[in-house]
Amino acid sequence: MMTETDLSILADIIEKMPGGFFIYHATGDQELLYVNDVMIDIFGCKDLTEFEELTGNTFKGLVHPDDYAKVDESINKQVAEHSKEMDYVEYRIIRKDGSIRWVDDFGRLAHSRAYGDVFYVFLRDITDFHDAREENMRLKKLAKENHLVETATAETETAKTDTAETVTAAAE
């Protein structure tokens, strides 16, 4: 069993993590049991009360409404298939100011004597990385399309030349 000093040290470590950390019930309304200060910052809130009002203090309230069903399904599938009951998902969140950010979420399902089944989750804002990756994919697609157009144009020119040579040869 941890001592008061151990718990204090652990709380200090969790608050200084280089990302968001939260714990939530795996069942029912998925109520949040704990969030660190970084989570509050990621969501653009000034304090825990503002964060709870924004999210409804539930996991579902963290996830962009358009992403929730897919995220929930992915988490459940991964946890069922992974021997250590772990998951990784990317999804959007809506910050207090209304802006949308992308996050990635590394979670693990565990059983707690005090709370039953809970998820321990590390979360970080990956918006800049996500946007750069999307732009890179867009540019690759554009380059591929340009290559296809160039190939088609070259093939058309070759066909025109071949046709012209065939017509000239037939006329002679």
Protein backbone atom coordinates (compact mmCIF):
# COMPACT_ATOMS: atom_id res chain seq x y z
CA MET A 1 0.00 0.00 0.00
CA MET A 2 1.26 3.48 -0.85
CA THR A 3 1.98 5.98 1.88
CA GLU A 4 0.77 9.59 1.89
CA THR A 5 4.26 10.62 0.75
CA ASP A 6 4.18 8.09 -2.10
CA LEU A 7 0.78 9.39 -3.23
CA SER A 8 2.01 12.98 -3.09
CA ILE A 9 5.05 12.11 -5.22
CA LEU A 10 2.87 10.21 -7.69
CA ALA A 11 0.44 13.15 -7.99
CA ASP A 12 3.38 15.49 -8.62
CA ILE A 13 4.73 13.21 -11.37
CA ILE A 14 1.34 12.93 -13.08
CA GLU A 15 0.88 16.71 -13.06
CA LYS A 16 4.28 17.19 -14.74
CA MET A 17 3.77 14.63 -17.51
CA PRO A 18 4.47 15.99 -21.01
CA GLY A 19 0.89 15.42 -22.06
CA GLY A 20 -2.63 14.99 -20.85
CA PHE A 21 -3.49 12.16 -18.51
CA PHE A 22 -6.94 11.06 -17.43
CA ILE A 23 -8.82 8.15 -15.90
CA TYR A 24 -12.41 7.26 -16.69
CA HIS A 25 -14.97 4.56 -15.96
CA ALA A 26 -14.97 1.97 -18.76
CA THR A 27 -18.70 1.36 -18.34
CA GLY A 28 -21.87 3.36 -17.89
CA ASP A 29 -21.63 7.02 -18.77
CA GLN A 30 -17.80 6.82 -18.89
CA GLU A 31 -17.46 9.41 -16.12
CA LEU A 32 -14.03 11.03 -15.78
CA LEU A 33 -12.42 10.20 -12.45
CA TYR A 34 -9.24 12.25 -12.85
CA VAL A 35 -7.67 14.73 -15.29
CA ASN A 36 -4.30 16.41 -14.95
CA ASP A 37 -3.68 20.12 -15.57
CA VAL A 38 -2.34 19.47 -19.07
CA MET A 39 -5.75 18.08 -20.07
CA ILE A 40 -7.36 21.28 -18.88
CA ASP A 41 -4.83 23.28 -20.96
CA ILE A 42 -5.32 21.13 -24.09
CA PHE A 43 -9.04 21.94 -23.96
CA GLY A 44 -8.34 25.65 -23.46
CA CYS A 45 -9.99 25.80 -20.05
CA LYS A 46 -8.83 27.92 -17.14
CA ASP A 47 -9.68 25.40 -14.41
CA LEU A 48 -11.25 22.03 -13.63
CA THR A 49 -14.74 23.48 -13.23
CA GLU A 50 -14.64 25.00 -16.72
CA PHE A 51 -13.28 21.70 -18.12
CA GLU A 52 -16.09 19.70 -16.47
CA GLU A 53 -18.70 22.11 -17.85
CA LEU A 54 -17.23 21.83 -21.36
CA THR A 55 -16.95 18.04 -21.41
CA GLY A 56 -19.83 17.01 -19.17
CA ASN A 57 -17.08 15.25 -17.19
CA THR A 58 -17.32 12.17 -19.46
CA PHE A 59 -15.06 10.52 -22.02
CA LYS A 60 -17.78 10.98 -24.64
CA GLY A 61 -17.70 14.71 -23.88
CA LEU A 62 -13.98 14.83 -24.72
CA VAL A 63 -14.40 13.46 -28.23
CA HIS A 64 -15.78 15.45 -31.17
CA PRO A 65 -19.41 14.29 -31.61
CA ASP A 66 -18.78 13.26 -35.22
CA ASP A 67 -15.87 11.03 -34.13
CA TYR A 68 -17.24 9.40 -30.98
CA ALA A 69 -18.95 6.29 -32.44
CA LYS A 70 -15.89 5.37 -34.52
CA VAL A 71 -13.52 6.03 -31.60
CA ASP A 72 -15.60 4.01 -29.13
CA GLU A 73 -15.85 1.09 -31.59
CA SER A 74 -12.10 1.17 -32.27
CA ILE A 75 -11.21 1.23 -28.57
CA ASN A 76 -13.52 -1.69 -27.78
CA LYS A 77 -12.17 -3.74 -30.71
CA GLN A 78 -8.53 -3.07 -29.85
CA VAL A 79 -8.96 -3.83 -26.17
CA ALA A 80 -10.73 -7.11 -27.00
CA GLU A 81 -7.92 -8.14 -29.38
CA HIS A 82 -4.89 -6.94 -27.39
CA SER A 83 -3.58 -9.16 -24.59
CA LYS A 84 -2.67 -6.15 -22.47
CA GLU A 85 -6.04 -4.49 -23.14
CA MET A 86 -4.45 -1.43 -24.75
CA ASP A 87 -5.68 0.93 -27.45
CA TYR A 88 -4.50 3.77 -29.66
CA VAL A 89 -6.86 6.20 -31.40
CA GLU A 90 -6.73 9.60 -33.04
CA TYR A 91 -9.70 11.93 -32.89
CA ARG A 92 -10.78 15.53 -32.83
CA ILE A 93 -11.70 17.60 -29.79
CA ILE A 94 -13.49 20.90 -29.53
CA ARG A 95 -11.74 23.41 -27.28
CA LYS A 96 -13.52 25.97 -25.12
CA ASP A 97 -12.94 28.67 -27.77
CA GLY A 98 -14.62 26.45 -30.40
CA SER A 99 -11.43 25.57 -32.24
CA ILE A 100 -10.92 21.98 -33.32
CA ARG A 101 -7.72 20.13 -32.49
CA TRP A 102 -6.49 16.62 -33.25
CA VAL A 103 -5.25 14.40 -30.41
CA ASP A 104 -3.90 10.92 -30.06
CA ASP A 105 -4.96 8.75 -27.17
CA PHE A 106 -3.01 5.82 -25.71
CA GLY A 107 -5.26 3.93 -23.32
CA ARG A 108 -5.22 0.85 -21.17
CA LEU A 109 -8.15 -0.92 -19.58
CA ALA A 110 -7.53 -2.03 -16.00
CA HIS A 111 -9.53 -3.23 -13.06
CA SER A 112 -9.41 -1.07 -9.96
CA ARG A 113 -10.63 -2.40 -6.62
CA ALA A 114 -12.01 1.03 -5.80
CA TYR A 115 -13.66 1.90 -9.15
CA GLY A 116 -14.08 -1.32 -11.14
CA ASP A 117 -13.05 -1.25 -14.82
CA VAL A 118 -11.32 1.99 -15.75
CA PHE A 119 -9.22 3.33 -18.60
CA TYR A 120 -5.90 5.04 -17.90
CA VAL A 121 -5.18 7.34 -20.83
CA PHE A 122 -2.29 9.46 -22.06
CA LEU A 123 -3.36 12.12 -24.57
CA ARG A 124 -1.43 14.69 -26.60
CA ASP A 125 -2.28 17.39 -29.11
CA ILE A 126 -1.06 16.27 -32.55
CA THR A 127 -2.78 18.94 -34.64
CA ASP A 128 0.42 20.25 -36.27
CA PHE A 129 1.62 16.71 -37.03
CA HIS A 130 -1.83 15.68 -38.32
CA ASP A 131 -2.11 18.72 -40.59
CA ALA A 132 1.42 18.18 -41.97
CA ARG A 133 0.65 14.50 -42.63
CA GLU A 134 -2.60 15.41 -44.41
CA GLU A 135 -0.80 18.02 -46.53
CA ASN A 136 1.90 15.49 -47.41
CA MET A 137 -0.75 12.96 -48.50
CA ARG A 138 -2.53 15.66 -50.54
CA LEU A 139 0.73 16.58 -52.30
CA LYS A 140 1.54 12.92 -53.03
CA LYS A 141 -1.93 12.43 -54.51
CA LEU A 142 -1.53 15.57 -56.60
CA ALA A 143 1.90 14.42 -57.82
CA LYS A 144 0.44 11.04 -58.75
CA GLU A 145 -2.43 12.72 -60.63
CA ASN A 146 0.04 15.00 -62.44
CA HIS A 147 2.14 11.97 -63.39
CA LEU A 148 -0.96 10.23 -64.77
CA VAL A 149 -1.85 13.32 -66.81
CA GLU A 150 1.71 13.58 -68.13
CA THR A 151 1.69 9.86 -69.03
CA ALA A 152 -1.69 10.14 -70.75
CA THR A 153 -0.52 13.24 -72.65
CA ALA A 154 2.66 11.48 -73.79
CA GLU A 155 0.67 8.41 -74.85
CA THR A 156 -1.76 10.64 -76.78
CA GLU A 157 1.13 12.38 -78.55
CA THR A 158 2.66 9.00 -79.41
CA ALA A 159 -0.67 7.78 -80.76
CA LYS A 160 -1.05 10.95 -82.86
CA THR A 161 2.45 10.50 -84.29
CA ASP A 162 1.81 6.82 -85.02
CA THR A 163 -1.52 7.67 -86.68
CA ALA A 164 0.06 10.42 -88.77
CA GLU A 165 2.85 8.09 -89.89
CA THR A 166 0.30 5.36 -90.75
CA VAL A 167 -1.81 7.83 -92.75
CA THR A 168 1.29 9.16 -94.55
CA ALA A 169 2.50 5.63 -95.33
CA ALA A 170 -0.96 4.65 -96.63
CA ALA A 171 -1.12 7.74 -98.82
CA GLU A 172 2.22 6.98 -100.49
